[in-house]
PDB file of N, CA and C in Angstrom:
ATOM      1  N   MET A   1     195.228 -99.382  24.412  1.00  0.00           N
ATOM      2  CA  MET A   1     194.606-100.147  23.345  1.00  0.00           C
ATOM      3  C   MET A   1     193.284 -99.484  22.962  1.00  0.00           C
ATOM      4  N   SER A   2     193.138 -99.155  21.710  1.00  0.00           N
ATOM      5  CA  SER A   2     191.966 -98.436  21.230  1.00  0.00           C
ATOM      6  C   SER A   2     191.077 -99.361  20.395  1.00  0.00           C
ATOM      7  N   HIS A   3     189.854 -99.483  20.819  1.00  0.00           N
ATOM      8  CA  HIS A   3     188.902-100.304  20.081  1.00  0.00           C
ATOM      9  C   HIS A   3     187.891 -99.413  19.374  1.00  0.00           C
ATOM     10  N   GLN A   4     187.417 -99.883  18.244  1.00  0.00           N
ATOM     11  CA  GLN A   4     186.320 -99.230  17.550  1.00  0.00           C
ATOM     12  C   GLN A   4     185.129-100.173  17.571  1.00  0.00           C
ATOM     13  N   THR A   5     183.949 -99.623  17.652  1.00  0.00           N
ATOM     14  CA  THR A   5     182.747-100.447  17.606  1.00  0.00           C
ATOM     15  C   THR A   5     181.870 -99.994  16.443  1.00  0.00           C
ATOM     16  N   PHE A   6     181.196-100.968  15.861  1.00  0.00           N
ATOM     17  CA  PHE A   6     180.300-100.718  14.734  1.00  0.00           C
ATOM     18  C   PHE A   6     179.029-101.520  14.948  1.00  0.00           C
ATOM     19  N   ILE A   7     177.904-100.943  14.583  1.00  0.00           N
ATOM     20  CA  ILE A   7     176.625-101.648  14.614  1.00  0.00           C
ATOM     21  C   ILE A   7     176.270-102.012  13.172  1.00  0.00           C
ATOM     22  N   LEU A   8     175.970-103.294  12.960  1.00  0.00           N
ATOM     23  CA  LEU A   8     175.634-103.799  11.629  1.00  0.00           C
ATOM     24  C   LEU A   8     174.233-104.376  11.643  1.00  0.00           C
ATOM     25  N   ASN A   9     173.444-104.065  10.651  1.00  0.00           N
ATOM     26  CA  ASN A   9     172.167-104.740  10.424  1.00  0.00           C
ATOM     27  C   ASN A   9     172.393-105.690   9.262  1.00  0.00           C
ATOM     28  N   ILE A  10     172.249-106.975   9.532  1.00  0.00           N
ATOM     29  CA  ILE A  10     172.496-107.970   8.487  1.00  0.00           C
ATOM     30  C   ILE A  10     171.208-108.745   8.228  1.00  0.00           C
ATOM     31  N   SER A  11     170.850-108.825   6.971  1.00  0.00           N
ATOM     32  CA  SER A  11     169.692-109.608   6.560  1.00  0.00           C
ATOM     33  C   SER A  11     170.034-110.285   5.234  1.00  0.00           C
ATOM     34  N   VAL A  12     170.404-111.564   5.330  1.00  0.00           N
ATOM     35  CA  VAL A  12     170.811-112.328   4.156  1.00  0.00           C
ATOM     36  C   VAL A  12     170.104-113.677   4.200  1.00  0.00           C
ATOM     37  N   ASN A  13     169.415-114.042   3.126  1.00  0.00           N
ATOM     38  CA  ASN A  13     168.701-115.316   3.137  1.00  0.00           C
ATOM     39  C   ASN A  13     169.671-116.498   3.083  1.00  0.00           C
ATOM     40  N   TYR A  14     169.168-117.671   3.393  1.00  0.00           N
ATOM     41  CA  TYR A  14     170.016-118.858   3.492  1.00  0.00           C
ATOM     42  C   TYR A  14     170.718-119.187   2.174  1.00  0.00           C
ATOM     43  N   ALA A  15     169.999-119.050   1.065  1.00  0.00           N
ATOM     44  CA  ALA A  15     170.587-119.366  -0.242  1.00  0.00           C
ATOM     45  C   ALA A  15     171.799-118.487  -0.522  1.00  0.00           C
ATOM     46  N   ARG A  16     171.716-117.231  -0.153  1.00  0.00           N
ATOM     47  CA  ARG A  16     172.846-116.310  -0.370  1.00  0.00           C
ATOM     48  C   ARG A  16     174.014-116.675   0.548  1.00  0.00           C
ATOM     49  N   CYS A  17     173.728-117.034   1.792  1.00  0.00           N
ATOM     50  CA  CYS A  17     174.783-117.470   2.721  1.00  0.00           C
ATOM     51  C   CYS A  17     175.494-118.696   2.166  1.00  0.00           C
ATOM     52  N   GLU A  18     174.704-119.637   1.691  1.00  0.00           N
ATOM     53  CA  GLU A  18     175.266-120.869   1.138  1.00  0.00           C
ATOM     54  C   GLU A  18     176.153-120.554  -0.067  1.00  0.00           C
ATOM     55  N   GLN A  19     175.723-119.623  -0.882  1.00  0.00           N
ATOM     56  CA  GLN A  19     176.473-119.220  -2.059  1.00  0.00           C
ATOM     57  C   GLN A  19     177.822-118.607  -1.660  1.00  0.00           C
ATOM     58  N   LEU A  20     177.833-117.799  -0.616  1.00  0.00           N
ATOM     59  CA  LEU A  20     179.080-117.184  -0.144  1.00  0.00           C
ATOM     60  C   LEU A  20     180.103-118.246   0.227  1.00  0.00           C
ATOM     61  N   TYR A  21     179.664-119.259   0.963  1.00  0.00           N
ATOM     62  CA  TYR A  21     180.588-120.289   1.415  1.00  0.00           C
ATOM     63  C   TYR A  21     180.971-121.245   0.304  1.00  0.00           C
ATOM     64  N   ARG A  22     180.025-121.563  -0.552  1.00  0.00           N
ATOM     65  CA  ARG A  22     180.295-122.499  -1.639  1.00  0.00           C
ATOM     66  C   ARG A  22     181.294-121.900  -2.633  1.00  0.00           C
ATOM     67  N   GLN A  23     181.188-120.600  -2.863  1.00  0.00           N
ATOM     68  CA  GLN A  23     182.085-119.951  -3.822  1.00  0.00           C
ATOM     69  C   GLN A  23     183.399-119.519  -3.178  1.00  0.00           C
ATOM     70  N   GLY A  24     183.553-119.742  -1.893  1.00  0.00           N
ATOM     71  CA  GLY A  24     184.822-119.519  -1.228  1.00  0.00           C
ATOM     72  C   GLY A  24     185.213-118.079  -0.958  1.00  0.00           C
ATOM     73  N   TYR A  25     184.237-117.216  -0.750  1.00  0.00           N
ATOM     74  CA  TYR A  25     184.574-115.834  -0.418  1.00  0.00           C
ATOM     75  C   TYR A  25     185.237-115.777   0.956  1.00  0.00           C
ATOM     76  N   ALA A  26     186.426-115.202   1.031  1.00  0.00           N
ATOM     77  CA  ALA A  26     187.146-115.103   2.299  1.00  0.00           C
ATOM     78  C   ALA A  26     186.634-113.951   3.156  1.00  0.00           C
ATOM     79  N   THR A  27     186.164-112.897   2.502  1.00  0.00           N
ATOM     80  CA  THR A  27     185.674-111.720   3.230  1.00  0.00           C
ATOM     81  C   THR A  27     184.350-111.244   2.658  1.00  0.00           C
ATOM     82  N   VAL A  28     183.636-110.492   3.466  1.00  0.00           N
ATOM     83  CA  VAL A  28     182.400-109.846   3.031  1.00  0.00           C
ATOM     84  C   VAL A  28     182.456-108.383   3.466  1.00  0.00           C
ATOM     85  N   VAL A  29     181.779-107.535   2.738  1.00  0.00           N
ATOM     86  CA  VAL A  29     181.689-106.121   3.075  1.00  0.00           C
ATOM     87  C   VAL A  29     180.255-105.868   3.529  1.00  0.00           C
ATOM     88  N   VAL A  30     180.137-105.269   4.714  1.00  0.00           N
ATOM     89  CA  VAL A  30     178.827-105.043   5.324  1.00  0.00           C
ATOM     90  C   VAL A  30     178.695-103.564   5.677  1.00  0.00           C
ATOM     91  N   PRO A  31     177.567-102.926   5.345  1.00  0.00           N
ATOM     92  CA  PRO A  31     177.384-101.532   5.751  1.00  0.00           C
ATOM     93  C   PRO A  31     177.040-101.430   7.235  1.00  0.00           C
ATOM     94  N   THR A  32     177.525-100.379   7.864  1.00  0.00           N
ATOM     95  CA  THR A  32     177.172-100.106   9.257  1.00  0.00           C
ATOM     96  C   THR A  32     175.911 -99.250   9.274  1.00  0.00           C
ATOM     97  N   VAL A  33     175.305 -99.109  10.441  1.00  0.00           N
ATOM     98  CA  VAL A  33     174.077 -98.321  10.524  1.00  0.00           C
ATOM     99  C   VAL A  33     174.335 -96.844  10.251  1.00  0.00           C
ATOM    100  N   ASP A  34     175.584 -96.386  10.413  1.00  0.00           N
ATOM    101  CA  ASP A  34     175.879 -94.976  10.142  1.00  0.00           C
ATOM    102  C   ASP A  34     176.494 -94.745   8.761  1.00  0.00           C
ATOM    103  N   GLY A  35     176.374 -95.745   7.877  1.00  0.00           N
ATOM    104  CA  GLY A  35     176.756 -95.557   6.486  1.00  0.00           C
ATOM    105  C   GLY A  35     178.179 -95.930   6.115  1.00  0.00           C
ATOM    106  N   LYS A  36     178.979 -96.363   7.073  1.00  0.00           N
ATOM    107  CA  LYS A  36     180.332 -96.820   6.740  1.00  0.00           C
ATOM    108  C   LYS A  36     180.238 -98.232   6.176  1.00  0.00           C
ATOM    109  N   ARG A  37     181.327 -98.704   5.620  1.00  0.00           N
ATOM    110  CA  ARG A  37     181.388-100.072   5.119  1.00  0.00           C
ATOM    111  C   ARG A  37     182.572-100.752   5.786  1.00  0.00           C
ATOM    112  N   VAL A  38     182.332-101.928   6.338  1.00  0.00           N
ATOM    113  CA  VAL A  38     183.399-102.680   6.995  1.00  0.00           C
ATOM    114  C   VAL A  38     183.560-104.031   6.306  1.00  0.00           C
ATOM    115  N   GLN A  39     184.785-104.480   6.258  1.00  0.00           N
ATOM    116  CA  GLN A  39     185.090-105.774   5.656  1.00  0.00           C
ATOM    117  C   GLN A  39     185.478-106.722   6.785  1.00  0.00           C
ATOM    118  N   LEU A  40     184.911-107.920   6.778  1.00  0.00           N
ATOM    119  CA  LEU A  40     185.254-108.892   7.797  1.00  0.00           C
ATOM    120  C   LEU A  40     185.328-110.288   7.197  1.00  0.00           C
ATOM    121  N   PRO A  41     186.081-111.167   7.842  1.00  0.00           N
ATOM    122  CA  PRO A  41     186.177-112.535   7.333  1.00  0.00           C
ATOM    123  C   PRO A  41     184.812-113.216   7.343  1.00  0.00           C
ATOM    124  N   SER A  42     184.449-113.827   6.233  1.00  0.00           N
ATOM    125  CA  SER A  42     183.134-114.469   6.146  1.00  0.00           C
ATOM    126  C   SER A  42     182.988-115.593   7.167  1.00  0.00           C
ATOM    127  N   LYS A  43     184.100-116.220   7.565  1.00  0.00           N
ATOM    128  CA  LYS A  43     184.032-117.305   8.546  1.00  0.00           C
ATOM    129  C   LYS A  43     183.466-116.835   9.888  1.00  0.00           C
ATOM    130  N   ASN A  44     183.571-115.531  10.188  1.00  0.00           N
ATOM    131  CA  ASN A  44     183.047-115.024  11.442  1.00  0.00           C
ATOM    132  C   ASN A  44     181.529-114.908  11.444  1.00  0.00           C
ATOM    133  N   LEU A  45     180.914-114.974  10.275  1.00  0.00           N
ATOM    134  CA  LEU A  45     179.453-114.934  10.198  1.00  0.00           C
ATOM    135  C   LEU A  45     178.837-116.323  10.310  1.00  0.00           C
ATOM    136  N   ARG A  46     179.617-117.344  10.043  1.00  0.00           N
ATOM    137  CA  ARG A  46     179.108-118.713  10.003  1.00  0.00           C
ATOM    138  C   ARG A  46     178.325-119.119  11.258  1.00  0.00           C
ATOM    139  N   PRO A  47     178.779-118.782  12.477  1.00  0.00           N
ATOM    140  CA  PRO A  47     178.023-119.201  13.664  1.00  0.00           C
ATOM    141  C   PRO A  47     176.601-118.613  13.738  1.00  0.00           C
ATOM    142  N   PHE A  48     176.353-117.562  12.968  1.00  0.00           N
ATOM    143  CA  PHE A  48     175.061-116.885  13.028  1.00  0.00           C
ATOM    144  C   PHE A  48     174.088-117.329  11.937  1.00  0.00           C
ATOM    145  N   VAL A  49     174.524-118.216  11.061  1.00  0.00           N
ATOM    146  CA  VAL A  49     173.663-118.683   9.970  1.00  0.00           C
ATOM    147  C   VAL A  49     172.667-119.701  10.519  1.00  0.00           C
ATOM    148  N   GLY A  50     171.396-119.407  10.326  1.00  0.00           N
ATOM    149  CA  GLY A  50     170.325-120.315  10.729  1.00  0.00           C
ATOM    150  C   GLY A  50     169.570-120.791   9.501  1.00  0.00           C
ATOM    151  N   PRO A  51     168.474-121.505   9.697  1.00  0.00           N
ATOM    152  CA  PRO A  51     167.687-122.028   8.569  1.00  0.00           C
ATOM    153  C   PRO A  51     167.172-120.941   7.615  1.00  0.00           C
ATOM    154  N   LYS A  52     167.020-119.718   8.122  1.00  0.00           N
ATOM    155  CA  LYS A  52     166.541-118.616   7.280  1.00  0.00           C
ATOM    156  C   LYS A  52     167.668-117.680   6.850  1.00  0.00           C
ATOM    157  N   GLY A  53     168.907-118.033   7.173  1.00  0.00           N
ATOM    158  CA  GLY A  53     170.052-117.195   6.821  1.00  0.00           C
ATOM    159  C   GLY A  53     170.576-116.456   8.035  1.00  0.00           C
ATOM    160  N   ILE A  54     171.027-115.232   7.816  1.00  0.00           N
ATOM    161  CA  ILE A  54     171.521-114.380   8.899  1.00  0.00           C
ATOM    162  C   ILE A  54     170.631-113.146   8.950  1.00  0.00           C
ATOM    163  N   HIS A  55     170.035-112.915  10.101  1.00  0.00           N
ATOM    164  CA  HIS A  55     169.158-111.754  10.265  1.00  0.00           C
ATOM    165  C   HIS A  55     169.344-111.205  11.668  1.00  0.00           C
ATOM    166  N   GLY A  56     169.565-109.898  11.767  1.00  0.00           N
ATOM    167  CA  GLY A  56     169.658-109.272  13.072  1.00  0.00           C
ATOM    168  C   GLY A  56     170.617-108.103  13.097  1.00  0.00           C
ATOM    169  N   ARG A  57     170.782-107.598  14.298  1.00  0.00           N
ATOM    170  CA  ARG A  57     171.683-106.480  14.558  1.00  0.00           C
ATOM    171  C   ARG A  57     172.900-107.045  15.290  1.00  0.00           C
ATOM    172  N   PHE A  58     174.077-106.603  14.875  1.00  0.00           N
ATOM    173  CA  PHE A  58     175.315-107.146  15.408  1.00  0.00           C
ATOM    174  C   PHE A  58     176.236-106.030  15.867  1.00  0.00           C
ATOM    175  N   LEU A  59     177.030-106.326  16.886  1.00  0.00           N
ATOM    176  CA  LEU A  59     178.053-105.414  17.381  1.00  0.00           C
ATOM    177  C   LEU A  59     179.407-105.968  16.965  1.00  0.00           C
ATOM    178  N   LEU A  60     180.131-105.189  16.184  1.00  0.00           N
ATOM    179  CA  LEU A  60     181.471-105.550  15.728  1.00  0.00           C
ATOM    180  C   LEU A  60     182.470-104.689  16.476  1.00  0.00           C
ATOM    181  N   VAL A  61     183.475-105.313  17.068  1.00  0.00           N
ATOM    182  CA  VAL A  61     184.541-104.590  17.758  1.00  0.00           C
ATOM    183  C   VAL A  61     185.845-104.909  17.044  1.00  0.00           C
ATOM    184  N   THR A  62     186.615-103.852  16.720  1.00  0.00           N
ATOM    185  CA  THR A  62     187.916-104.025  16.077  1.00  0.00           C
ATOM    186  C   THR A  62     188.998-103.389  16.944  1.00  0.00           C
ATOM    187  N   ASP A  63     190.239-103.837  16.724  1.00  0.00           N
ATOM    188  CA  ASP A  63     191.349-103.260  17.476  1.00  0.00           C
ATOM    189  C   ASP A  63     191.906-102.039  16.742  1.00  0.00           C
ATOM    190  N   GLU A  64     193.010-101.504  17.253  1.00  0.00           N
ATOM    191  CA  GLU A  64     193.594-100.297  16.661  1.00  0.00           C
ATOM    192  C   GLU A  64     194.123-100.515  15.246  1.00  0.00           C
ATOM    193  N   LYS A  65     194.311-101.779  14.855  1.00  0.00           N
ATOM    194  CA  LYS A  65     194.751-102.094  13.492  1.00  0.00           C
ATOM    195  C   LYS A  65     193.585-102.545  12.613  1.00  0.00           C
ATOM    196  N   ASN A  66     192.374-102.289  13.081  1.00  0.00           N
ATOM    197  CA  ASN A  66     191.137-102.652  12.378  1.00  0.00           C
ATOM    198  C   ASN A  66     190.951-104.153  12.215  1.00  0.00           C
ATOM    199  N   LYS A  67     191.558-104.938  13.084  1.00  0.00           N
ATOM    200  CA  LYS A  67     191.362-106.387  13.086  1.00  0.00           C
ATOM    201  C   LYS A  67     190.192-106.728  13.995  1.00  0.00           C
ATOM    202  N   LEU A  68     189.418-107.714  13.596  1.00  0.00           N
ATOM    203  CA  LEU A  68     188.241-108.112  14.352  1.00  0.00           C
ATOM    204  C   LEU A  68     188.616-108.627  15.745  1.00  0.00           C
ATOM    205  N   VAL A  69     187.982-108.063  16.751  1.00  0.00           N
ATOM    206  CA  VAL A  69     188.154-108.517  18.124  1.00  0.00           C
ATOM    207  C   VAL A  69     186.971-109.397  18.512  1.00  0.00           C
ATOM    208  N   SER A  70     185.750-108.921  18.180  1.00  0.00           N
ATOM    209  CA  SER A  70     184.564-109.716  18.479  1.00  0.00           C
ATOM    210  C   SER A  70     183.412-109.303  17.570  1.00  0.00           C
ATOM    211  N   LEU A  71     182.503-110.243  17.405  1.00  0.00           N
ATOM    212  CA  LEU A  71     181.274-110.010  16.667  1.00  0.00           C
ATOM    213  C   LEU A  71     180.191-110.736  17.434  1.00  0.00           C
ATOM    214  N   GLN A  72     179.177-109.999  17.858  1.00  0.00           N
ATOM    215  CA  GLN A  72     178.095-110.632  18.591  1.00  0.00           C
ATOM    216  C   GLN A  72     176.754-110.085  18.164  1.00  0.00           C
ATOM    217  N   LYS A  73     175.765-110.963  18.195  1.00  0.00           N
ATOM    218  CA  LYS A  73     174.393-110.562  17.861  1.00  0.00           C
ATOM    219  C   LYS A  73     173.818-109.842  19.072  1.00  0.00           C
ATOM    220  N   ILE A  74     173.231-108.671  18.831  1.00  0.00           N
ATOM    221  CA  ILE A  74     172.673-107.900  19.946  1.00  0.00           C
ATOM    222  C   ILE A  74     171.151-107.825  19.925  1.00  0.00           C
ATOM    223  N   ASP A  75     170.522-108.275  18.859  1.00  0.00           N
ATOM    224  CA  ASP A  75     169.063-108.462  18.831  1.00  0.00           C
ATOM    225  C   ASP A  75     168.621-109.133  17.564  1.00  0.00           C
TER     226      ASP A  75
END
């Protein structure tokens, strides 16, 4: 089983987060720190939304079919 890992820096204010969910976006595209772009289900970001939005560095792990295995905040 082959996993890929990506580091994401996410900084989105609360109003923008609210807009994503209100408008029903199923996925979001996020740049990685090395310039790639990854698409992930927006529902996976929901646990990280706070009063100021989503801010921090995240570790994304995908499987060999590029499906999300885990997403965790690392700082």
